[in-house]
Structure formats: C-alpha cells, structure tokens
Amino acid sequence: MANTLDYKKIKELTYLAIQYKNLEAILGLLKSNVYASTDALDCDEGVKFFTEKAKNSEASMAEVYFFIRRPISEKYKKIFRRLARQSILKTSLKITSKGIRGNYKKTVPYYHIGMPEFDLDETIQHNPLNIYKKSLTYKNIYGIRRQREKRKIVLILDTSGSMYGKLLLNAALTTSVLAYNMEKEEYGIVLFNSTAMVLKKIDQKKPINNIIDEILDSEAVGFTNIEIGLEKGLKELNKVREKTRHKFGILISDGNYNRGKDPLDFAKKYPTLHVIGMPAGNDADRGIDTCRKLAKAGRGKFYAVNDYKEIPRALIDLLSQT
C-alpha cells in the first residue's frame, strides 16, 4: 500500500510510526520512499526514537541507518551512526563469549608450591635416580603450566552488490564478534567486492568503534571477485612469520564470483582457510559448491548458513574449535 502513497503522506505516516514507536512500520516506509521517510526522521523526535530503540540492543537499528545514512543531514548523521554502532556492539556481546580460546600445555620445572598440576611422566623421565633414592625436591618435579595459544586470523568478507542490505549489518556484527573474541590476539579484516580493501591490518591496533563505523559507512557495490579478496587476505596472513597451527583465514561469501580467476589457487596457498557459505539469491547451489571446494582446498572447515543472522554464531562455533 505504501508504494501508492505520495511523498507528503509517507512523511506523515513516518511521524505517526515514531509516535507509536513502530520500528517495523518505519522500515517499510523507508523501503517505499527513503527520502520522504528520512525527512521525518531528520529531527529531534527521530533521534529520541532511535535512542530508545538502541537501549534495547535492536540490531535492526543499524538496518535503518543503512537506509538513511545518505539522505540524512550531517547534523544528525553522527548521532544516528553512534546509536547504530551501539546497538551492534550490544548485540554482538550477547552473541559472543570471551572465554572461547584454545589452551595448550607446557611442561616446566615445578618451582612454585601450589602449581595446579604436575607432570608425572616428565618427572619420572628426568629423575630416575632421585626417585630411586626417594630424594625428590620441588626442583626435581616438573609441572604443567597451561598457556593460551594466540591465534593469527584474517577475516575476508564479501560485500558485493548482490549481497546488499542485511549483509553489511551482519558484516558489522561479525567483525564485532571477532574483535571481542580476538581482543588480545592478532587479526586482520579484508572487505571485497570488485576490488578488496584492508579494513584492519593484522599487525595494527585499531579501536572496534572505528572498525564498525567504517563498515556502517561502506558500500556493498560492484561485482564479486573472491580471488582478489583471498589475495589481500593472504598478504596480511603472510606478515606473521612464526609457524603455528593457529594461523588461518576465514572467508565469508555466497561463493558466486563473477570477476577474477578461479579462487581455488589462492585457497591452496593458505596454511588453513575456513569458509562460511552465506545464502545466495541466484544460483545458490553453484555458490555453496564453490565455498565447499574452497574450504577443501584450504584444508579448513566449511559452514553453510541459511540466514544472515546465523553468520556471527557460525563464526563463534568456528573460533571455539580453533
């Protein structure tokens, strides 16, 4: 019905939706005429409405921002963006768990009384004579100190034009989830469509707020060139010289590339490449098949999701196993 309404009527209905705090109605009106609806939101009442919704951590607030970010006035744009970012961060905190990290055991001399574990095998191996003479001391006993294995990860995100809308929202959510889980570890972020852009270098310290803001103001445009995305990601990963099994890439794409060469060659060059296959509109079977082949070529895991909302949780599941 909204498609048959004129500019003035849609603006009036948007004002009414603000008064009744109806976010779904506003989304529908924005899809009908983004300029008329944004005109109604471009005021103190619109800011107040956004502020109340952001308190409830509604991720759809960011979806609204993607509609209004171009026609909205500069006076209110920064406020709306900040509120959209806040809702994304709150949502990602609900999804993520900071405790998901891998540990490994390291055998060390049992110097400190009260060390939780000691290694019986190592102690016997190094002290057969002392054991025989029953003259073991703390200096002879080997303990186990559990250390956190730091991971080095590059996230490679598809932001091509065929995947606009909810894709950018979930790109923001996904990177936020990654940032929280990798808080004290090394990670890089690459966005790609026809070309590729390094949003965060793997050896760079960059505030999560800046990362989210850049995604909120990015464009899902162009064709899909998975090859160039993997190429950029590999360059970042190769900055890590040390050899570790916790060094890998994570590609998130629908697999339907229409620019560049076959990305399989670059997938093979990764120490490990995991792939999360997103739902695709056209030729979905081909895309998922490509994603599965890329994961196999990269000796990584493959996850297929049926909805964009599943992507952050799929990432959590993947990080918990690496």
C-alpha atoms as a PDB file:
ATOM      1  CA  MET A   1       0.000   0.000   0.000  1.00  0.00           C
ATOM      2  CA  ALA A   2       2.877   2.375   0.834  1.00  0.00           C
ATOM      3  CA  ASN A   3       4.048   2.216  -2.776  1.00  0.00           C
ATOM      4  CA  THR A   4       0.907   4.080  -3.858  1.00  0.00           C
ATOM      5  CA  LEU A   5       1.374   6.940  -1.364  1.00  0.00           C
ATOM      6  CA  ASP A   6       2.929  10.290  -2.216  1.00  0.00           C
ATOM      7  CA  TYR A   7       5.904  11.974  -0.516  1.00  0.00           C
ATOM      8  CA  LYS A   8       3.801  14.001   1.927  1.00  0.00           C
ATOM      9  CA  LYS A   9       1.700  11.033   3.042  1.00  0.00           C
ATOM     10  CA  ILE A  10       4.726   8.786   3.660  1.00  0.00           C
ATOM     11  CA  LYS A  11       6.359  11.537   5.685  1.00  0.00           C
ATOM     12  CA  GLU A  12       3.210  11.899   7.788  1.00  0.00           C
ATOM     13  CA  LEU A  13       2.968   8.137   8.327  1.00  0.00           C
ATOM     14  CA  THR A  14       6.608   8.062   9.422  1.00  0.00           C
ATOM     15  CA  TYR A  15       5.886  10.752  12.017  1.00  0.00           C
ATOM     16  CA  LEU A  16       2.985   8.606  13.207  1.00  0.00           C
ATOM     17  CA  ALA A  17       5.208   5.497  13.383  1.00  0.00           C
ATOM     18  CA  ILE A  18       7.693   7.446  15.522  1.00  0.00           C
ATOM     19  CA  GLN A  19       4.922   8.442  17.928  1.00  0.00           C
ATOM     20  CA  TYR A  20       3.780   4.817  18.229  1.00  0.00           C
ATOM     21  CA  LYS A  21       7.385   3.563  18.359  1.00  0.00           C
ATOM     22  CA  ASN A  22       6.777   1.179  15.469  1.00  0.00           C
ATOM     23  CA  LEU A  23      10.161   0.264  14.016  1.00  0.00           C
ATOM     24  CA  GLU A  24       8.764  -2.277  11.533  1.00  0.00           C
ATOM     25  CA  ALA A  25       6.452   0.348  10.061  1.00  0.00           C
ATOM     26  CA  ILE A  26       9.374   2.752   9.652  1.00  0.00           C
ATOM     27  CA  LEU A  27      11.412   0.086   7.840  1.00  0.00           C
ATOM     28  CA  GLY A  28       8.516  -0.489   5.457  1.00  0.00           C
ATOM     29  CA  LEU A  29       8.094   3.210   4.789  1.00  0.00           C
ATOM     30  CA  LEU A  30      11.855   3.634   4.211  1.00  0.00           C
ATOM     31  CA  LYS A  31      11.721   0.899   1.582  1.00  0.00           C
ATOM     32  CA  SER A  32       8.830   2.685  -0.108  1.00  0.00           C
ATOM     33  CA  ASN A  33      10.355   6.175  -0.202  1.00  0.00           C
ATOM     34  CA  VAL A  34      13.627   6.597   1.664  1.00  0.00           C
ATOM     35  CA  TYR A  35      13.719  10.385   1.152  1.00  0.00           C
ATOM     36  CA  ALA A  36      10.244  11.098   2.492  1.00  0.00           C
ATOM     37  CA  SER A  37      10.668   8.806   5.461  1.00  0.00           C
ATOM     38  CA  THR A  38      14.162  10.132   6.257  1.00  0.00           C
ATOM     39  CA  ASP A  39      12.786  13.656   6.102  1.00  0.00           C
ATOM     40  CA  ALA A  40      10.526  12.731   9.026  1.00  0.00           C
ATOM     41  CA  LEU A  41      13.354  11.098  10.980  1.00  0.00           C
ATOM     42  CA  ASP A  42      15.676  14.063  10.477  1.00  0.00           C
ATOM     43  CA  CYS A  43      14.679  15.813  13.695  1.00  0.00           C
ATOM     44  CA  ASP A  44      14.982  15.672  17.485  1.00  0.00           C
ATOM     45  CA  GLU A  45      11.995  13.305  17.703  1.00  0.00           C
ATOM     46  CA  GLY A  46      13.724  10.917  15.324  1.00  0.00           C
ATOM     47  CA  VAL A  47      16.883  10.973  17.430  1.00  0.00           C
ATOM     48  CA  LYS A  48      14.844  10.328  20.576  1.00  0.00           C
ATOM     49  CA  PHE A  49      13.120   7.382  18.883  1.00  0.00           C
ATOM     50  CA  PHE A  50      16.468   5.898  17.825  1.00  0.00           C
ATOM     51  CA  THR A  51      17.921   6.396  21.298  1.00  0.00           C
ATOM     52  CA  GLU A  52      15.098   4.467  22.965  1.00  0.00           C
ATOM     53  CA  LYS A  53      15.367   1.609  20.487  1.00  0.00           C
ATOM     54  CA  ALA A  54      19.168   1.437  20.818  1.00  0.00           C
ATOM     55  CA  LYS A  55      18.762   0.847  24.564  1.00  0.00           C
ATOM     56  CA  ASN A  56      17.014  -2.405  23.693  1.00  0.00           C
ATOM     57  CA  SER A  57      20.005  -3.533  21.593  1.00  0.00           C
ATOM     58  CA  GLU A  58      17.892  -3.856  18.464  1.00  0.00           C
ATOM     59  CA  ALA A  59      20.238  -4.829  15.620  1.00  0.00           C
ATOM     60  CA  SER A  60      17.592  -3.647  13.126  1.00  0.00           C
ATOM     61  CA  MET A  61      18.529  -0.114  14.181  1.00  0.00           C
ATOM     62  CA  ALA A  62      21.642  -0.491  12.045  1.00  0.00           C
ATOM     63  CA  GLU A  63      19.463  -1.609   9.150  1.00  0.00           C
ATOM     64  CA  VAL A  64      17.551   1.662   9.461  1.00  0.00           C
ATOM     65  CA  TYR A  65      20.848   3.555   9.436  1.00  0.00           C
ATOM     66  CA  PHE A  66      21.844   1.893   6.146  1.00  0.00           C
ATOM     67  CA  PHE A  67      18.721   3.415   4.588  1.00  0.00           C
ATOM     68  CA  ILE A  68      19.046   6.934   5.981  1.00  0.00           C
ATOM     69  CA  ARG A  69      22.827   7.443   6.026  1.00  0.00           C
ATOM     70  CA  ARG A  70      22.894   9.213   2.626  1.00  0.00           C
ATOM     71  CA  PRO A  71      19.821  11.495   2.743  1.00  0.00           C
ATOM     72  CA  ILE A  72      20.068  12.316   6.473  1.00  0.00           C
ATOM     73  CA  SER A  73      21.509  15.731   7.369  1.00  0.00           C
ATOM     74  CA  GLU A  74      25.046  15.994   8.722  1.00  0.00           C
ATOM     75  CA  LYS A  75      23.580  17.498  11.903  1.00  0.00           C
ATOM     76  CA  TYR A  76      22.053  14.150  12.916  1.00  0.00           C
ATOM     77  CA  LYS A  77      24.078  11.614  10.938  1.00  0.00           C
ATOM     78  CA  LYS A  78      26.820  11.184  13.557  1.00  0.00           C
ATOM     79  CA  ILE A  79      24.229  10.671  16.269  1.00  0.00           C
ATOM     80  CA  PHE A  80      22.341   8.042  14.271  1.00  0.00           C
ATOM     81  CA  ARG A  81      25.595   6.271  13.380  1.00  0.00           C
ATOM     82  CA  ARG A  82      26.713   6.209  17.012  1.00  0.00           C
ATOM     83  CA  LEU A  83      23.380   4.721  18.085  1.00  0.00           C
ATOM     84  CA  ALA A  84      23.530   2.133  15.289  1.00  0.00           C
ATOM     85  CA  ARG A  85      27.052   1.205  16.375  1.00  0.00           C
ATOM     86  CA  GLN A  86      25.962   0.872  19.996  1.00  0.00           C
ATOM     87  CA  SER A  87      23.144  -1.490  19.076  1.00  0.00           C
ATOM     88  CA  ILE A  88      25.572  -3.627  17.036  1.00  0.00           C
ATOM     89  CA  LEU A  89      28.079  -3.810  19.884  1.00  0.00           C
ATOM     90  CA  LYS A  90      25.394  -4.739  22.407  1.00  0.00           C
ATOM     91  CA  THR A  91      24.031  -7.437  20.109  1.00  0.00           C
ATOM     92  CA  SER A  92      27.485  -8.879  19.462  1.00  0.00           C
ATOM     93  CA  LEU A  93      28.190  -9.007  23.202  1.00  0.00           C
ATOM     94  CA  LYS A  94      25.089 -11.154  23.605  1.00  0.00           C
ATOM     95  CA  ILE A  95      26.262 -13.477  20.857  1.00  0.00           C
ATOM     96  CA  THR A  96      29.901 -13.779  21.737  1.00  0.00           C
ATOM     97  CA  SER A  97      31.755 -15.308  24.675  1.00  0.00           C
ATOM     98  CA  LYS A  98      35.172 -14.022  25.665  1.00  0.00           C
ATOM     99  CA  GLY A  99      36.032 -17.423  27.091  1.00  0.00           C
ATOM    100  CA  ILE A 100      36.318 -19.136  23.725  1.00  0.00           C
ATOM    101  CA  ARG A 101      40.027 -19.601  23.291  1.00  0.00           C
ATOM    102  CA  GLY A 102      42.313 -22.565  22.936  1.00  0.00           C
ATOM    103  CA  ASN A 103      44.893 -23.589  25.543  1.00  0.00           C
ATOM    104  CA  TYR A 104      47.936 -25.787  25.264  1.00  0.00           C
ATOM    105  CA  LYS A 105      50.078 -27.495  27.876  1.00  0.00           C
ATOM    106  CA  LYS A 106      53.690 -26.570  28.536  1.00  0.00           C
ATOM    107  CA  THR A 107      55.874 -28.660  30.832  1.00  0.00           C
ATOM    108  CA  VAL A 108      58.020 -26.543  33.168  1.00  0.00           C
ATOM    109  CA  PRO A 109      60.017 -27.091  36.374  1.00  0.00           C
ATOM    110  CA  TYR A 110      57.689 -27.258  39.372  1.00  0.00           C
ATOM    111  CA  TYR A 111      59.325 -24.331  41.160  1.00  0.00           C
ATOM    112  CA  HIS A 112      56.257 -22.821  42.733  1.00  0.00           C
ATOM    113  CA  ILE A 113      54.400 -24.574  45.515  1.00  0.00           C
ATOM    114  CA  GLY A 114      50.738 -24.602  44.686  1.00  0.00           C
ATOM    115  CA  MET A 115      51.070 -25.013  40.910  1.00  0.00           C
ATOM    116  CA  PRO A 116      47.763 -26.697  39.931  1.00  0.00           C
ATOM    117  CA  GLU A 117      49.212 -29.655  38.018  1.00  0.00           C
ATOM    118  CA  PHE A 118      52.439 -31.604  37.842  1.00  0.00           C
ATOM    119  CA  ASP A 119      53.640 -33.879  35.057  1.00  0.00           C
ATOM    120  CA  LEU A 120      54.332 -37.360  36.405  1.00  0.00           C
ATOM    121  CA  ASP A 121      55.822 -38.735  33.163  1.00  0.00           C
ATOM    122  CA  GLU A 122      58.291 -35.852  32.778  1.00  0.00           C
ATOM    123  CA  THR A 123      59.255 -36.064  36.440  1.00  0.00           C
ATOM    124  CA  ILE A 124      60.000 -39.810  36.203  1.00  0.00           C
ATOM    125  CA  GLN A 125      61.880 -39.395  32.916  1.00  0.00           C
ATOM    126  CA  HIS A 126      64.220 -36.724  34.270  1.00  0.00           C
ATOM    127  CA  ASN A 127      64.735 -38.059  37.802  1.00  0.00           C
ATOM    128  CA  PRO A 128      65.006 -41.876  37.844  1.00  0.00           C
ATOM    129  CA  LEU A 129      67.887 -41.808  40.365  1.00  0.00           C
ATOM    130  CA  ASN A 130      66.262 -39.300  42.693  1.00  0.00           C
ATOM    131  CA  ILE A 131      63.072 -41.348  42.694  1.00  0.00           C
ATOM    132  CA  TYR A 132      65.028 -44.495  43.481  1.00  0.00           C
ATOM    133  CA  LYS A 133      66.783 -42.742  46.382  1.00  0.00           C
ATOM    134  CA  LYS A 134      63.500 -41.110  47.466  1.00  0.00           C
ATOM    135  CA  SER A 135      65.215 -37.726  47.429  1.00  0.00           C
ATOM    136  CA  LEU A 136      62.916 -35.698  45.190  1.00  0.00           C
ATOM    137  CA  THR A 137      62.625 -31.956  45.826  1.00  0.00           C
ATOM    138  CA  TYR A 138      60.444 -29.320  44.214  1.00  0.00           C
ATOM    139  CA  LYS A 139      63.347 -28.532  41.891  1.00  0.00           C
ATOM    140  CA  ASN A 140      63.200 -32.094  40.550  1.00  0.00           C
ATOM    141  CA  ILE A 141      59.444 -32.123  39.875  1.00  0.00           C
ATOM    142  CA  TYR A 142      58.029 -30.985  36.527  1.00  0.00           C
ATOM    143  CA  GLY A 143      54.701 -29.181  36.491  1.00  0.00           C
ATOM    144  CA  ILE A 144      52.215 -28.239  33.777  1.00  0.00           C
ATOM    145  CA  ARG A 145      51.607 -24.601  33.027  1.00  0.00           C
ATOM    146  CA  ARG A 146      48.672 -24.015  30.748  1.00  0.00           C
ATOM    147  CA  GLN A 147      49.165 -21.134  28.343  1.00  0.00           C
ATOM    148  CA  ARG A 148      46.797 -19.525  25.914  1.00  0.00           C
ATOM    149  CA  GLU A 149      47.698 -20.242  22.300  1.00  0.00           C
ATOM    150  CA  LYS A 150      47.380 -16.939  20.493  1.00  0.00           C
ATOM    151  CA  ARG A 151      45.746 -17.126  17.110  1.00  0.00           C
ATOM    152  CA  LYS A 152      46.529 -15.142  13.974  1.00  0.00           C
ATOM    153  CA  ILE A 153      43.424 -14.732  11.840  1.00  0.00           C
ATOM    154  CA  VAL A 154      42.380 -12.813   8.745  1.00  0.00           C
ATOM    155  CA  LEU A 155      38.640 -12.409   8.167  1.00  0.00           C
ATOM    156  CA  ILE A 156      37.723 -11.969   4.481  1.00  0.00           C
ATOM    157  CA  LEU A 157      34.203 -10.586   3.991  1.00  0.00           C
ATOM    158  CA  ASP A 158      32.168 -10.447   0.789  1.00  0.00           C
ATOM    159  CA  THR A 159      30.439  -7.050   0.419  1.00  0.00           C
ATOM    160  CA  SER A 160      29.495  -7.260  -3.255  1.00  0.00           C
ATOM    161  CA  GLY A 161      26.429  -5.504  -4.651  1.00  0.00           C
ATOM    162  CA  SER A 162      24.440  -8.731  -4.924  1.00  0.00           C
ATOM    163  CA  MET A 163      24.543  -9.018  -1.153  1.00  0.00           C
ATOM    164  CA  TYR A 164      23.458  -5.535  -0.052  1.00  0.00           C
ATOM    165  CA  GLY A 165      21.256  -4.689   2.922  1.00  0.00           C
ATOM    166  CA  LYS A 166      21.398  -7.216   5.711  1.00  0.00           C
ATOM    167  CA  LEU A 167      24.875  -8.243   4.537  1.00  0.00           C
ATOM    168  CA  LEU A 168      26.505  -5.027   5.747  1.00  0.00           C
ATOM    169  CA  LEU A 169      24.630  -5.259   9.037  1.00  0.00           C
ATOM    170  CA  ASN A 170      25.933  -8.776   9.568  1.00  0.00           C
ATOM    171  CA  ALA A 171      29.391  -7.734   8.395  1.00  0.00           C
ATOM    172  CA  ALA A 172      29.386  -5.222  11.237  1.00  0.00           C
ATOM    173  CA  LEU A 173      28.061  -7.805  13.702  1.00  0.00           C
ATOM    174  CA  THR A 174      30.530 -10.442  12.532  1.00  0.00           C
ATOM    175  CA  THR A 175      33.579  -8.185  12.792  1.00  0.00           C
ATOM    176  CA  SER A 176      32.397  -7.048  16.216  1.00  0.00           C
ATOM    177  CA  VAL A 177      32.113 -10.665  17.373  1.00  0.00           C
ATOM    178  CA  LEU A 178      35.594 -11.381  16.009  1.00  0.00           C
ATOM    179  CA  ALA A 179      37.063  -8.307  17.708  1.00  0.00           C
ATOM    180  CA  TYR A 180      35.651  -9.303  21.101  1.00  0.00           C
ATOM    181  CA  ASN A 181      36.917 -12.876  20.789  1.00  0.00           C
ATOM    182  CA  MET A 182      40.322 -11.800  19.474  1.00  0.00           C
ATOM    183  CA  GLU A 183      40.767  -8.940  21.914  1.00  0.00           C
ATOM    184  CA  LYS A 184      44.320  -9.915  22.907  1.00  0.00           C
ATOM    185  CA  GLU A 185      45.231 -11.760  19.723  1.00  0.00           C
ATOM    186  CA  GLU A 186      46.135 -10.782  16.170  1.00  0.00           C
ATOM    187  CA  TYR A 187      43.503 -10.412  13.479  1.00  0.00           C
ATOM    188  CA  GLY A 188      43.030  -8.631  10.189  1.00  0.00           C
ATOM    189  CA  ILE A 189      39.873  -7.761   8.239  1.00  0.00           C
ATOM    190  CA  VAL A 190      39.524  -7.611   4.453  1.00  0.00           C
ATOM    191  CA  LEU A 191      36.364  -6.437   2.653  1.00  0.00           C
ATOM    192  CA  PHE A 192      35.964  -7.270  -1.030  1.00  0.00           C
ATOM    193  CA  ASN A 193      33.612  -6.869  -3.980  1.00  0.00           C
ATOM    194  CA  SER A 194      35.072  -5.974  -7.398  1.00  0.00           C
ATOM    195  CA  THR A 195      38.183  -4.858  -5.517  1.00  0.00           C
ATOM    196  CA  ALA A 196      39.464  -5.511  -1.997  1.00  0.00           C
ATOM    197  CA  MET A 197      40.191  -3.225   0.930  1.00  0.00           C
ATOM    198  CA  VAL A 198      42.125  -3.989   4.107  1.00  0.00           C
ATOM    199  CA  LEU A 199      39.887  -2.619   6.852  1.00  0.00           C
ATOM    200  CA  LYS A 200      42.301  -3.655   9.581  1.00  0.00           C
ATOM    201  CA  LYS A 201      45.865  -4.898   9.142  1.00  0.00           C
ATOM    202  CA  ILE A 202      46.796  -7.982  11.124  1.00  0.00           C
ATOM    203  CA  ASP A 203      49.580  -6.127  12.945  1.00  0.00           C
ATOM    204  CA  GLN A 204      47.518  -2.977  13.512  1.00  0.00           C
ATOM    205  CA  LYS A 205      45.861  -1.755  16.696  1.00  0.00           C
ATOM    206  CA  LYS A 206      42.510  -0.301  15.749  1.00  0.00           C
ATOM    207  CA  PRO A 207      39.578   0.553  18.051  1.00  0.00           C
ATOM    208  CA  ILE A 208      36.486  -1.566  17.463  1.00  0.00           C
ATOM    209  CA  ASN A 209      34.356   1.600  17.284  1.00  0.00           C
ATOM    210  CA  ASN A 210      36.355   2.794  14.262  1.00  0.00           C
ATOM    211  CA  ILE A 211      36.003  -0.594  12.556  1.00  0.00           C
ATOM    212  CA  ILE A 212      32.222  -0.642  12.993  1.00  0.00           C
ATOM    213  CA  ASP A 213      31.850   2.989  11.844  1.00  0.00           C
ATOM    214  CA  GLU A 214      33.798   2.279   8.654  1.00  0.00           C
ATOM    215  CA  ILE A 215      31.574  -0.702   7.850  1.00  0.00           C
ATOM    216  CA  LEU A 216      28.442   1.333   8.580  1.00  0.00           C
ATOM    217  CA  ASP A 217      29.589   3.908   6.024  1.00  0.00           C
ATOM    218  CA  SER A 218      30.895   1.409   3.453  1.00  0.00           C
ATOM    219  CA  GLU A 219      29.085   0.416   0.265  1.00  0.00           C
ATOM    220  CA  ALA A 220      28.006  -3.015  -0.906  1.00  0.00           C
ATOM    221  CA  VAL A 221      28.690  -2.387  -4.571  1.00  0.00           C
ATOM    222  CA  GLY A 222      30.269  -3.912  -7.614  1.00  0.00           C
ATOM    223  CA  PHE A 223      30.726  -7.486  -8.734  1.00  0.00           C
ATOM    224  CA  THR A 224      32.159 -10.385  -6.739  1.00  0.00           C
ATOM    225  CA  ASN A 225      35.886 -11.119  -7.023  1.00  0.00           C
ATOM    226  CA  ILE A 226      36.756 -13.759  -4.430  1.00  0.00           C
ATOM    227  CA  GLU A 227      40.243 -14.160  -5.883  1.00  0.00           C
ATOM    228  CA  ILE A 228      41.299 -10.597  -5.030  1.00  0.00           C
ATOM    229  CA  GLY A 229      39.816 -10.923  -1.542  1.00  0.00           C
ATOM    230  CA  LEU A 230      41.818 -14.071  -0.863  1.00  0.00           C
ATOM    231  CA  GLU A 231      44.933 -12.475  -2.347  1.00  0.00           C
ATOM    232  CA  LYS A 232      44.708  -9.489   0.029  1.00  0.00           C
ATOM    233  CA  GLY A 233      43.958 -11.764   2.958  1.00  0.00           C
ATOM    234  CA  LEU A 234      46.958 -13.970   2.234  1.00  0.00           C
ATOM    235  CA  LYS A 235      49.273 -10.950   2.119  1.00  0.00           C
ATOM    236  CA  GLU A 236      48.107  -9.974   5.594  1.00  0.00           C
ATOM    237  CA  LEU A 237      48.465 -13.527   6.918  1.00  0.00           C
ATOM    238  CA  ASN A 238      51.976 -13.817   5.475  1.00  0.00           C
ATOM    239  CA  LYS A 239      53.056 -10.922   7.678  1.00  0.00           C
ATOM    240  CA  VAL A 240      53.052 -13.476  10.508  1.00  0.00           C
ATOM    241  CA  ARG A 241      56.425 -15.183  10.180  1.00  0.00           C
ATOM    242  CA  GLU A 242      56.168 -17.614  13.066  1.00  0.00           C
ATOM    243  CA  LYS A 243      54.943 -21.124  12.382  1.00  0.00           C
ATOM    244  CA  THR A 244      51.805 -22.006  14.297  1.00  0.00           C
ATOM    245  CA  ARG A 245      48.763 -24.168  13.694  1.00  0.00           C
ATOM    246  CA  HIS A 246      46.627 -21.245  14.908  1.00  0.00           C
ATOM    247  CA  LYS A 247      47.242 -19.168  11.787  1.00  0.00           C
ATOM    248  CA  PHE A 248      44.402 -19.186   9.285  1.00  0.00           C
ATOM    249  CA  GLY A 249      41.927 -17.273   7.136  1.00  0.00           C
ATOM    250  CA  ILE A 250      38.136 -17.186   7.364  1.00  0.00           C
ATOM    251  CA  LEU A 251      36.222 -16.431   4.158  1.00  0.00           C
ATOM    252  CA  ILE A 252      32.567 -15.378   4.397  1.00  0.00           C
ATOM    253  CA  SER A 253      30.882 -15.293   0.984  1.00  0.00           C
ATOM    254  CA  ASP A 254      27.994 -16.693  -1.056  1.00  0.00           C
ATOM    255  CA  GLY A 255      30.579 -18.158  -3.452  1.00  0.00           C
ATOM    256  CA  ASN A 256      29.032 -16.675  -6.594  1.00  0.00           C
ATOM    257  CA  TYR A 257      32.033 -14.894  -8.090  1.00  0.00           C
ATOM    258  CA  ASN A 258      31.670 -13.171 -11.463  1.00  0.00           C
ATOM    259  CA  ARG A 259      35.007 -11.372 -11.645  1.00  0.00           C
ATOM    260  CA  GLY A 260      38.586 -12.576 -11.339  1.00  0.00           C
ATOM    261  CA  LYS A 261      40.059 -16.013 -11.849  1.00  0.00           C
ATOM    262  CA  ASP A 262      39.152 -19.228 -10.066  1.00  0.00           C
ATOM    263  CA  PRO A 263      39.908 -18.515  -6.377  1.00  0.00           C
ATOM    264  CA  LEU A 264      40.919 -22.141  -5.688  1.00  0.00           C
ATOM    265  CA  ASP A 265      44.570 -21.410  -6.476  1.00  0.00           C
ATOM    266  CA  PHE A 266      44.780 -18.816  -3.700  1.00  0.00           C
ATOM    267  CA  ALA A 267      42.823 -21.017  -1.286  1.00  0.00           C
ATOM    268  CA  LYS A 268      45.521 -23.682  -1.656  1.00  0.00           C
ATOM    269  CA  LYS A 269      48.212 -21.190  -0.592  1.00  0.00           C
ATOM    270  CA  TYR A 270      46.656 -20.610   2.825  1.00  0.00           C
ATOM    271  CA  PRO A 271      48.024 -22.594   5.783  1.00  0.00           C
ATOM    272  CA  THR A 272      44.330 -23.123   6.562  1.00  0.00           C
ATOM    273  CA  LEU A 273      41.240 -21.486   5.084  1.00  0.00           C
ATOM    274  CA  HIS A 274      37.837 -21.920   6.724  1.00  0.00           C
ATOM    275  CA  VAL A 275      34.713 -20.896   4.805  1.00  0.00           C
ATOM    276  CA  ILE A 276      31.266 -19.777   5.938  1.00  0.00           C
ATOM    277  CA  GLY A 277      28.889 -20.036   2.993  1.00  0.00           C
ATOM    278  CA  MET A 278      26.180 -17.370   3.021  1.00  0.00           C
ATOM    279  CA  PRO A 279      22.758 -17.779   1.401  1.00  0.00           C
ATOM    280  CA  ALA A 280      22.658 -16.588  -2.191  1.00  0.00           C
ATOM    281  CA  GLY A 281      19.749 -15.339  -4.253  1.00  0.00           C
ATOM    282  CA  ASN A 282      20.587 -16.682  -7.697  1.00  0.00           C
ATOM    283  CA  ASP A 283      22.473 -19.882  -8.477  1.00  0.00           C
ATOM    284  CA  ALA A 284      22.749 -20.795  -4.787  1.00  0.00           C
ATOM    285  CA  ASP A 285      23.854 -24.388  -5.479  1.00  0.00           C
ATOM    286  CA  ARG A 286      26.819 -23.206  -7.526  1.00  0.00           C
ATOM    287  CA  GLY A 287      27.841 -20.755  -4.836  1.00  0.00           C
ATOM    288  CA  ILE A 288      27.681 -23.271  -1.986  1.00  0.00           C
ATOM    289  CA  ASP A 289      29.594 -25.780  -4.098  1.00  0.00           C
ATOM    290  CA  THR A 290      32.325 -23.175  -4.656  1.00  0.00           C
ATOM    291  CA  CYS A 291      32.501 -22.418  -0.923  1.00  0.00           C
ATOM    292  CA  ARG A 292      32.796 -26.111  -0.121  1.00  0.00           C
ATOM    293  CA  LYS A 293      35.615 -26.538  -2.665  1.00  0.00           C
ATOM    294  CA  LEU A 294      37.475 -23.503  -1.284  1.00  0.00           C
ATOM    295  CA  ALA A 295      37.355 -24.931   2.244  1.00  0.00           C
ATOM    296  CA  LYS A 296      38.612 -28.286   0.982  1.00  0.00           C
ATOM    297  CA  ALA A 297      41.439 -26.652  -0.999  1.00  0.00           C
ATOM    298  CA  GLY A 298      42.370 -24.633   2.098  1.00  0.00           C
ATOM    299  CA  ARG A 299      42.257 -27.713   4.355  1.00  0.00           C
ATOM    300  CA  GLY A 300      39.673 -25.963   6.514  1.00  0.00           C
ATOM    301  CA  LYS A 301      36.147 -26.352   7.831  1.00  0.00           C
ATOM    302  CA  PHE A 302      33.036 -25.464   5.872  1.00  0.00           C
ATOM    303  CA  TYR A 303      29.882 -23.992   7.389  1.00  0.00           C
ATOM    304  CA  ALA A 304      26.700 -23.304   5.425  1.00  0.00           C
ATOM    305  CA  VAL A 305      24.169 -20.882   6.901  1.00  0.00           C
ATOM    306  CA  ASN A 306      20.581 -20.437   5.767  1.00  0.00           C
ATOM    307  CA  ASP A 307      20.156 -16.911   7.083  1.00  0.00           C
ATOM    308  CA  TYR A 308      22.432 -13.905   7.555  1.00  0.00           C
ATOM    309  CA  LYS A 309      21.598 -13.870  11.263  1.00  0.00           C
ATOM    310  CA  GLU A 310      23.358 -17.243  11.622  1.00  0.00           C
ATOM    311  CA  ILE A 311      26.738 -15.895  10.470  1.00  0.00           C
ATOM    312  CA  PRO A 312      28.015 -14.473  13.816  1.00  0.00           C
ATOM    313  CA  ARG A 313      27.107 -17.695  15.650  1.00  0.00           C
ATOM    314  CA  ALA A 314      28.758 -19.788  12.939  1.00  0.00           C
ATOM    315  CA  LEU A 315      31.885 -17.689  13.487  1.00  0.00           C
ATOM    316  CA  ILE A 316      31.691 -18.304  17.255  1.00  0.00           C
ATOM    317  CA  ASP A 317      31.381 -22.043  16.632  1.00  0.00           C
ATOM    318  CA  LEU A 318      34.387 -21.943  14.319  1.00  0.00           C
ATOM    319  CA  LEU A 319      36.544 -19.937  16.749  1.00  0.00           C
ATOM    320  CA  SER A 320      35.689 -22.316  19.582  1.00  0.00           C
ATOM    321  CA  GLN A 321      37.233 -25.194  17.614  1.00  0.00           C
ATOM    322  CA  THR A 322      40.465 -23.455  16.587  1.00  0.00           C
END
